[in-house]
Each structure stands twice: as structure tokens, then as C-alpha cells.
Amino acid sequence: MRITNISEAKTQLSALIEKVLAGEEVVIGRAGKPLANLVRYGHSDKKRIPGALKGKIKTADDFDTSPQDIAEAFGVSES
């Protein structure tokens, strides 16, 4: 793994993208320390189905109720 500095990455972006497309790992860093990975975009062709989780997610009855101490801390206490 070779770390490419930010300045070099700016001037060589097209070449770095070609390396990523060829399967190479590209790491961009500063002062020899890794900061970011340049990775190939992976789009899923799986179609989303609206309502697929219907009946599988439950919301607690007190979901909209804040504990008294937290409500007071935010200045929204009803007492």
C-alpha cells in the first residue's frame, strides 16, 4: 500500500481512479499518515420494496414522552 499525498492526488486524480478501477488500493494521506481511501463506487441493483418492514418495527407507547429530568434540562418541563 502506497500513501499518495493530497497534492499528488489532486494532480493525478484520473490516474488514481484508473488504479482503483484496476483493483488497486489507493490511500490519500498527509505527512505520511493515511486520511482517506479512494474506493470504487458499488451501486446495488437490488430493488427497494416500500413497506418491507411493516409489522417488524415497534414504537414504544411513551416514545414522545421525555423523562422529567431531561425535559427540565431542555426547558420544556410541563410541571
PDB file of N, CA and C in Angstrom:
ATOM      1  N   MET A   1       0.835  -1.168   0.000  1.00  0.00           N
ATOM      2  CA  MET A   1       0.000   0.000   0.000  1.00  0.00           C
ATOM      3  C   MET A   1       0.886   1.239   0.000  1.00  0.00           C
ATOM      4  N   ARG A   2       0.636   2.101  -0.954  1.00  0.00           N
ATOM      5  CA  ARG A   2       1.389   3.345  -1.056  1.00  0.00           C
ATOM      6  C   ARG A   2       0.466   4.504  -0.703  1.00  0.00           C
ATOM      7  N   ILE A   3       0.929   5.397   0.142  1.00  0.00           N
ATOM      8  CA  ILE A   3       0.128   6.566   0.514  1.00  0.00           C
ATOM      9  C   ILE A   3       0.482   7.705  -0.423  1.00  0.00           C
ATOM     10  N   THR A   4      -0.542   8.229  -1.093  1.00  0.00           N
ATOM     11  CA  THR A   4      -0.387   9.360  -2.004  1.00  0.00           C
ATOM     12  C   THR A   4      -0.749  10.630  -1.251  1.00  0.00           C
ATOM     13  N   ASN A   5       0.104  11.654  -1.342  1.00  0.00           N
ATOM     14  CA  ASN A   5      -0.230  12.876  -0.619  1.00  0.00           C
ATOM     15  C   ASN A   5      -1.323  13.653  -1.356  1.00  0.00           C
ATOM     16  N   ILE A   6      -1.940  14.594  -0.668  1.00  0.00           N
ATOM     17  CA  ILE A   6      -3.086  15.326  -1.199  1.00  0.00           C
ATOM     18  C   ILE A   6      -2.726  16.082  -2.467  1.00  0.00           C
ATOM     19  N   SER A   7      -1.584  16.726  -2.489  1.00  0.00           N
ATOM     20  CA  SER A   7      -1.167  17.495  -3.660  1.00  0.00           C
ATOM     21  C   SER A   7      -1.021  16.590  -4.881  1.00  0.00           C
ATOM     22  N   GLU A   8      -0.379  15.456  -4.693  1.00  0.00           N
ATOM     23  CA  GLU A   8      -0.212  14.494  -5.789  1.00  0.00           C
ATOM     24  C   GLU A   8      -1.567  13.936  -6.229  1.00  0.00           C
ATOM     25  N   ALA A   9      -2.455  13.699  -5.280  1.00  0.00           N
ATOM     26  CA  ALA A   9      -3.781  13.171  -5.604  1.00  0.00           C
ATOM     27  C   ALA A   9      -4.557  14.162  -6.464  1.00  0.00           C
ATOM     28  N   LYS A  10      -4.408  15.461  -6.195  1.00  0.00           N
ATOM     29  CA  LYS A  10      -5.104  16.475  -6.988  1.00  0.00           C
ATOM     30  C   LYS A  10      -4.620  16.476  -8.429  1.00  0.00           C
ATOM     31  N   THR A  11      -3.319  16.365  -8.605  1.00  0.00           N
ATOM     32  CA  THR A  11      -2.774  16.432  -9.961  1.00  0.00           C
ATOM     33  C   THR A  11      -2.896  15.112 -10.713  1.00  0.00           C
ATOM     34  N   GLN A  12      -3.006  14.008  -9.998  1.00  0.00           N
ATOM     35  CA  GLN A  12      -3.038  12.685 -10.627  1.00  0.00           C
ATOM     36  C   GLN A  12      -4.374  11.964 -10.437  1.00  0.00           C
ATOM     37  N   LEU A  13      -5.469  12.697 -10.219  1.00  0.00           N
ATOM     38  CA  LEU A  13      -6.740  12.069  -9.894  1.00  0.00           C
ATOM     39  C   LEU A  13      -7.184  11.060 -10.952  1.00  0.00           C
ATOM     40  N   SER A  14      -7.088  11.407 -12.215  1.00  0.00           N
ATOM     41  CA  SER A  14      -7.513  10.479 -13.278  1.00  0.00           C
ATOM     42  C   SER A  14      -6.714   9.177 -13.223  1.00  0.00           C
ATOM     43  N   ALA A  15      -5.418   9.277 -13.016  1.00  0.00           N
ATOM     44  CA  ALA A  15      -4.570   8.086 -12.946  1.00  0.00           C
ATOM     45  C   ALA A  15      -4.906   7.257 -11.706  1.00  0.00           C
ATOM     46  N   LEU A  16      -5.200   7.924 -10.600  1.00  0.00           N
ATOM     47  CA  LEU A  16      -5.553   7.206  -9.378  1.00  0.00           C
ATOM     48  C   LEU A  16      -6.887   6.474  -9.543  1.00  0.00           C
ATOM     49  N   ILE A  17      -7.828   7.101 -10.220  1.00  0.00           N
ATOM     50  CA  ILE A  17      -9.115   6.447 -10.476  1.00  0.00           C
ATOM     51  C   ILE A  17      -8.916   5.206 -11.345  1.00  0.00           C
ATOM     52  N   GLU A  18      -8.061   5.288 -12.320  1.00  0.00           N
ATOM     53  CA  GLU A  18      -7.768   4.120 -13.168  1.00  0.00           C
ATOM     54  C   GLU A  18      -7.171   2.991 -12.323  1.00  0.00           C
ATOM     55  N   LYS A  19      -6.319   3.340 -11.359  1.00  0.00           N
ATOM     56  CA  LYS A  19      -5.743   2.320 -10.479  1.00  0.00           C
ATOM     57  C   LYS A  19      -6.833   1.643  -9.652  1.00  0.00           C
ATOM     58  N   VAL A  20      -7.765   2.450  -9.148  1.00  0.00           N
ATOM     59  CA  VAL A  20      -8.878   1.900  -8.360  1.00  0.00           C
ATOM     60  C   VAL A  20      -9.714   0.964  -9.232  1.00  0.00           C
ATOM     61  N   LEU A  21     -10.007   1.379 -10.466  1.00  0.00           N
ATOM     62  CA  LEU A  21     -10.790   0.547 -11.374  1.00  0.00           C
ATOM     63  C   LEU A  21     -10.079  -0.760 -11.703  1.00  0.00           C
ATOM     64  N   ALA A  22      -8.744  -0.740 -11.629  1.00  0.00           N
ATOM     65  CA  ALA A  22      -7.953  -1.943 -11.893  1.00  0.00           C
ATOM     66  C   ALA A  22      -7.818  -2.822 -10.644  1.00  0.00           C
ATOM     67  N   GLY A  23      -8.409  -2.365  -9.523  1.00  0.00           N
ATOM     68  CA  GLY A  23      -8.387  -3.184  -8.313  1.00  0.00           C
ATOM     69  C   GLY A  23      -7.330  -2.808  -7.296  1.00  0.00           C
ATOM     70  N   GLU A  24      -6.558  -1.776  -7.564  1.00  0.00           N
ATOM     71  CA  GLU A  24      -5.524  -1.369  -6.622  1.00  0.00           C
ATOM     72  C   GLU A  24      -6.111  -0.542  -5.479  1.00  0.00           C
ATOM     73  N   GLU A  25      -5.441  -0.578  -4.350  1.00  0.00           N
ATOM     74  CA  GLU A  25      -5.854   0.225  -3.199  1.00  0.00           C
ATOM     75  C   GLU A  25      -5.154   1.571  -3.272  1.00  0.00           C
ATOM     76  N   VAL A  26      -5.927   2.643  -3.161  1.00  0.00           N
ATOM     77  CA  VAL A  26      -5.355   3.984  -3.190  1.00  0.00           C
ATOM     78  C   VAL A  26      -5.679   4.677  -1.868  1.00  0.00           C
ATOM     79  N   VAL A  27      -4.635   5.096  -1.163  1.00  0.00           N
ATOM     80  CA  VAL A  27      -4.787   5.779   0.113  1.00  0.00           C
ATOM     81  C   VAL A  27      -4.228   7.183  -0.036  1.00  0.00           C
ATOM     82  N   ILE A  28      -4.999   8.159   0.410  1.00  0.00           N
ATOM     83  CA  ILE A  28      -4.555   9.553   0.359  1.00  0.00           C
ATOM     84  C   ILE A  28      -4.236   9.976   1.790  1.00  0.00           C
ATOM     85  N   GLY A  29      -3.081  10.618   1.951  1.00  0.00           N
ATOM     86  CA  GLY A  29      -2.658  10.990   3.285  1.00  0.00           C
ATOM     87  C   GLY A  29      -1.995  12.343   3.343  1.00  0.00           C
ATOM     88  N   ARG A  30      -1.656  12.703   4.561  1.00  0.00           N
ATOM     89  CA  ARG A  30      -0.945  13.953   4.803  1.00  0.00           C
ATOM     90  C   ARG A  30       0.171  13.645   5.784  1.00  0.00           C
ATOM     91  N   ALA A  31       1.361  14.092   5.484  1.00  0.00           N
ATOM     92  CA  ALA A  31       2.544  13.864   6.323  1.00  0.00           C
ATOM     93  C   ALA A  31       2.771  12.372   6.562  1.00  0.00           C
ATOM     94  N   GLY A  32       2.470  11.568   5.537  1.00  0.00           N
ATOM     95  CA  GLY A  32       2.705  10.134   5.625  1.00  0.00           C
ATOM     96  C   GLY A  32       1.665   9.357   6.416  1.00  0.00           C
ATOM     97  N   LYS A  33       0.615  10.041   6.880  1.00  0.00           N
ATOM     98  CA  LYS A  33      -0.434   9.378   7.659  1.00  0.00           C
ATOM     99  C   LYS A  33      -1.699   9.253   6.807  1.00  0.00           C
ATOM    100  N   PRO A  34      -2.275   8.060   6.739  1.00  0.00           N
ATOM    101  CA  PRO A  34      -3.473   7.844   5.932  1.00  0.00           C
ATOM    102  C   PRO A  34      -4.655   8.685   6.423  1.00  0.00           C
ATOM    103  N   LEU A  35      -5.365   9.297   5.467  1.00  0.00           N
ATOM    104  CA  LEU A  35      -6.550  10.086   5.793  1.00  0.00           C
ATOM    105  C   LEU A  35      -7.810   9.543   5.127  1.00  0.00           C
ATOM    106  N   ALA A  36      -7.655   9.018   3.898  1.00  0.00           N
ATOM    107  CA  ALA A  36      -8.834   8.584   3.146  1.00  0.00           C
ATOM    108  C   ALA A  36      -8.474   7.468   2.184  1.00  0.00           C
ATOM    109  N   ASN A  37      -9.454   6.613   1.920  1.00  0.00           N
ATOM    110  CA  ASN A  37      -9.310   5.577   0.901  1.00  0.00           C
ATOM    111  C   ASN A  37     -10.112   5.993  -0.317  1.00  0.00           C
ATOM    112  N   LEU A  38      -9.539   5.818  -1.482  1.00  0.00           N
ATOM    113  CA  LEU A  38     -10.261   6.033  -2.726  1.00  0.00           C
ATOM    114  C   LEU A  38     -10.749   4.662  -3.163  1.00  0.00           C
ATOM    115  N   VAL A  39     -12.072   4.483  -3.200  1.00  0.00           N
ATOM    116  CA  VAL A  39     -12.629   3.169  -3.491  1.00  0.00           C
ATOM    117  C   VAL A  39     -13.601   3.241  -4.661  1.00  0.00           C
ATOM    118  N   ARG A  40     -13.786   2.115  -5.306  1.00  0.00           N
ATOM    119  CA  ARG A  40     -14.717   2.009  -6.414  1.00  0.00           C
ATOM    120  C   ARG A  40     -16.143   2.115  -5.882  1.00  0.00           C
ATOM    121  N   TYR A  41     -16.976   2.845  -6.596  1.00  0.00           N
ATOM    122  CA  TYR A  41     -18.378   3.008  -6.217  1.00  0.00           C
ATOM    123  C   TYR A  41     -19.097   1.699  -6.450  1.00  0.00           C
ATOM    124  N   GLY A  42     -19.844   1.248  -5.454  1.00  0.00           N
ATOM    125  CA  GLY A  42     -20.585  -0.002  -5.573  1.00  0.00           C
ATOM    126  C   GLY A  42     -22.073   0.251  -5.439  1.00  0.00           C
ATOM    127  N   HIS A  43     -22.782   0.268  -6.541  1.00  0.00           N
ATOM    128  CA  HIS A  43     -24.225   0.503  -6.542  1.00  0.00           C
ATOM    129  C   HIS A  43     -24.967  -0.826  -6.538  1.00  0.00           C
ATOM    130  N   SER A  44     -25.960  -0.922  -5.691  1.00  0.00           N
ATOM    131  CA  SER A  44     -26.754  -2.142  -5.625  1.00  0.00           C
ATOM    132  C   SER A  44     -27.906  -2.068  -6.620  1.00  0.00           C
ATOM    133  N   ASP A  45     -28.089  -3.129  -7.378  1.00  0.00           N
ATOM    134  CA  ASP A  45     -29.203  -3.190  -8.321  1.00  0.00           C
ATOM    135  C   ASP A  45     -30.448  -3.768  -7.666  1.00  0.00           C
ATOM    136  N   LYS A  46     -30.341  -4.100  -6.394  1.00  0.00           N
ATOM    137  CA  LYS A  46     -31.469  -4.672  -5.680  1.00  0.00           C
ATOM    138  C   LYS A  46     -32.565  -3.619  -5.542  1.00  0.00           C
ATOM    139  N   LYS A  47     -33.766  -3.960  -5.964  1.00  0.00           N
ATOM    140  CA  LYS A  47     -34.875  -3.034  -5.930  1.00  0.00           C
ATOM    141  C   LYS A  47     -35.442  -2.928  -4.514  1.00  0.00           C
ATOM    142  N   ARG A  48     -35.711  -1.696  -4.086  1.00  0.00           N
ATOM    143  CA  ARG A  48     -36.291  -1.466  -2.768  1.00  0.00           C
ATOM    144  C   ARG A  48     -37.792  -1.719  -2.826  1.00  0.00           C
ATOM    145  N   ILE A  49     -38.307  -2.279  -1.757  1.00  0.00           N
ATOM    146  CA  ILE A  49     -39.731  -2.584  -1.675  1.00  0.00           C
ATOM    147  C   ILE A  49     -40.333  -1.759  -0.546  1.00  0.00           C
ATOM    148  N   PRO A  50     -41.164  -0.750  -0.874  1.00  0.00           N
ATOM    149  CA  PRO A  50     -41.784   0.047   0.183  1.00  0.00           C
ATOM    150  C   PRO A  50     -42.637  -0.832   1.104  1.00  0.00           C
ATOM    151  N   GLY A  51     -42.526  -0.599   2.380  1.00  0.00           N
ATOM    152  CA  GLY A  51     -43.314  -1.351   3.348  1.00  0.00           C
ATOM    153  C   GLY A  51     -42.749  -2.714   3.694  1.00  0.00           C
ATOM    154  N   ALA A  52     -41.528  -2.997   3.287  1.00  0.00           N
ATOM    155  CA  ALA A  52     -40.935  -4.315   3.532  1.00  0.00           C
ATOM    156  C   ALA A  52     -40.790  -4.625   5.024  1.00  0.00           C
ATOM    157  N   LEU A  53     -40.711  -3.604   5.865  1.00  0.00           N
ATOM    158  CA  LEU A  53     -40.546  -3.813   7.305  1.00  0.00           C
ATOM    159  C   LEU A  53     -41.854  -3.634   8.076  1.00  0.00           C
ATOM    160  N   LYS A  54     -42.966  -3.519   7.375  1.00  0.00           N
ATOM    161  CA  LYS A  54     -44.253  -3.329   8.036  1.00  0.00           C
ATOM    162  C   LYS A  54     -44.513  -4.481   9.014  1.00  0.00           C
ATOM    163  N   GLY A  55     -44.871  -4.103  10.243  1.00  0.00           N
ATOM    164  CA  GLY A  55     -45.148  -5.095  11.264  1.00  0.00           C
ATOM    165  C   GLY A  55     -43.907  -5.608  11.980  1.00  0.00           C
ATOM    166  N   LYS A  56     -42.723  -5.199  11.539  1.00  0.00           N
ATOM    167  CA  LYS A  56     -41.482  -5.676  12.157  1.00  0.00           C
ATOM    168  C   LYS A  56     -40.854  -4.637  13.083  1.00  0.00           C
ATOM    169  N   ILE A  57     -41.336  -3.396  13.018  1.00  0.00           N
ATOM    170  CA  ILE A  57     -40.780  -2.324  13.839  1.00  0.00           C
ATOM    171  C   ILE A  57     -41.862  -1.843  14.795  1.00  0.00           C
ATOM    172  N   LYS A  58     -41.531  -1.788  16.066  1.00  0.00           N
ATOM    173  CA  LYS A  58     -42.478  -1.354  17.095  1.00  0.00           C
ATOM    174  C   LYS A  58     -41.982  -0.059  17.723  1.00  0.00           C
ATOM    175  N   THR A  59     -42.906   0.856  17.985  1.00  0.00           N
ATOM    176  CA  THR A  59     -42.595   2.101  18.664  1.00  0.00           C
ATOM    177  C   THR A  59     -43.212   2.046  20.051  1.00  0.00           C
ATOM    178  N   ALA A  60     -42.420   2.356  21.039  1.00  0.00           N
ATOM    179  CA  ALA A  60     -42.906   2.314  22.422  1.00  0.00           C
ATOM    180  C   ALA A  60     -44.037   3.321  22.613  1.00  0.00           C
ATOM    181  N   ASP A  61     -44.989   2.989  23.489  1.00  0.00           N
ATOM    182  CA  ASP A  61     -46.126   3.876  23.750  1.00  0.00           C
ATOM    183  C   ASP A  61     -45.685   5.235  24.284  1.00  0.00           C
ATOM    184  N   ASP A  62     -44.566   5.272  25.027  1.00  0.00           N
ATOM    185  CA  ASP A  62     -44.086   6.530  25.594  1.00  0.00           C
ATOM    186  C   ASP A  62     -42.979   7.171  24.754  1.00  0.00           C
ATOM    187  N   PHE A  63     -42.956   6.872  23.480  1.00  0.00           N
ATOM    188  CA  PHE A  63     -41.901   7.370  22.584  1.00  0.00           C
ATOM    189  C   PHE A  63     -41.772   8.894  22.632  1.00  0.00           C
ATOM    190  N   ASP A  64     -42.883   9.604  22.656  1.00  0.00           N
ATOM    191  CA  ASP A  64     -42.857  11.071  22.628  1.00  0.00           C
ATOM    192  C   ASP A  64     -42.768  11.712  24.008  1.00  0.00           C
ATOM    193  N   THR A  65     -42.624  10.925  25.044  1.00  0.00           N
ATOM    194  CA  THR A  65     -42.569  11.436  26.404  1.00  0.00           C
ATOM    195  C   THR A  65     -41.123  11.465  26.887  1.00  0.00           C
ATOM    196  N   SER A  66     -40.694  12.645  27.333  1.00  0.00           N
ATOM    197  CA  SER A  66     -39.324  12.774  27.856  1.00  0.00           C
ATOM    198  C   SER A  66     -39.330  12.552  29.356  1.00  0.00           C
ATOM    199  N   PRO A  67     -38.291  11.910  29.897  1.00  0.00           N
ATOM    200  CA  PRO A  67     -38.173  11.815  31.352  1.00  0.00           C
ATOM    201  C   PRO A  67     -38.112  13.221  31.948  1.00  0.00           C
ATOM    202  N   GLN A  68     -38.637  13.390  33.139  1.00  0.00           N
ATOM    203  CA  GLN A  68     -38.748  14.706  33.774  1.00  0.00           C
ATOM    204  C   GLN A  68     -37.414  15.450  33.827  1.00  0.00           C
ATOM    205  N   ASP A  69     -36.331  14.767  34.219  1.00  0.00           N
ATOM    206  CA  ASP A  69     -35.039  15.448  34.353  1.00  0.00           C
ATOM    207  C   ASP A  69     -34.515  15.948  33.008  1.00  0.00           C
ATOM    208  N   ILE A  70     -34.739  15.190  31.955  1.00  0.00           N
ATOM    209  CA  ILE A  70     -34.274  15.621  30.630  1.00  0.00           C
ATOM    210  C   ILE A  70     -35.146  16.757  30.112  1.00  0.00           C
ATOM    211  N   ALA A  71     -36.446  16.681  30.334  1.00  0.00           N
ATOM    212  CA  ALA A  71     -37.345  17.762  29.924  1.00  0.00           C
ATOM    213  C   ALA A  71     -36.957  19.067  30.620  1.00  0.00           C
ATOM    214  N   GLU A  72     -36.645  18.984  31.917  1.00  0.00           N
ATOM    215  CA  GLU A  72     -36.231  20.180  32.658  1.00  0.00           C
ATOM    216  C   GLU A  72     -34.913  20.731  32.124  1.00  0.00           C
ATOM    217  N   ALA A  73     -33.985  19.847  31.769  1.00  0.00           N
ATOM    218  CA  ALA A  73     -32.699  20.290  31.242  1.00  0.00           C
ATOM    219  C   ALA A  73     -32.853  21.062  29.937  1.00  0.00           C
ATOM    220  N   PHE A  74     -33.883  20.708  29.149  1.00  0.00           N
ATOM    221  CA  PHE A  74     -34.127  21.408  27.886  1.00  0.00           C
ATOM    222  C   PHE A  74     -35.153  22.520  28.021  1.00  0.00           C
ATOM    223  N   GLY A  75     -35.632  22.731  29.242  1.00  0.00           N
ATOM    224  CA  GLY A  75     -36.569  23.819  29.487  1.00  0.00           C
ATOM    225  C   GLY A  75     -37.953  23.575  28.928  1.00  0.00           C
ATOM    226  N   VAL A  76     -38.359  22.317  28.821  1.00  0.00           N
ATOM    227  CA  VAL A  76     -39.681  22.002  28.283  1.00  0.00           C
ATOM    228  C   VAL A  76     -40.523  21.215  29.277  1.00  0.00           C
ATOM    229  N   SER A  77     -40.205  21.340  30.528  1.00  0.00           N
ATOM    230  CA  SER A  77     -40.931  20.622  31.577  1.00  0.00           C
ATOM    231  C   SER A  77     -42.360  21.097  31.657  1.00  0.00           C
ATOM    232  N   GLU A  78     -43.294  20.185  31.843  1.00  0.00           N
ATOM    233  CA  GLU A  78     -44.711  20.542  31.914  1.00  0.00           C
ATOM    234  C   GLU A  78     -45.193  20.685  33.347  1.00  0.00           C
ATOM    235  N   SER A  79     -44.301  20.696  34.318  1.00  0.00           N
ATOM    236  CA  SER A  79     -44.750  20.796  35.713  1.00  0.00           C
ATOM    237  C   SER A  79     -44.751  22.198  36.209  1.00  0.00           C
TER     238      SER A  79
END
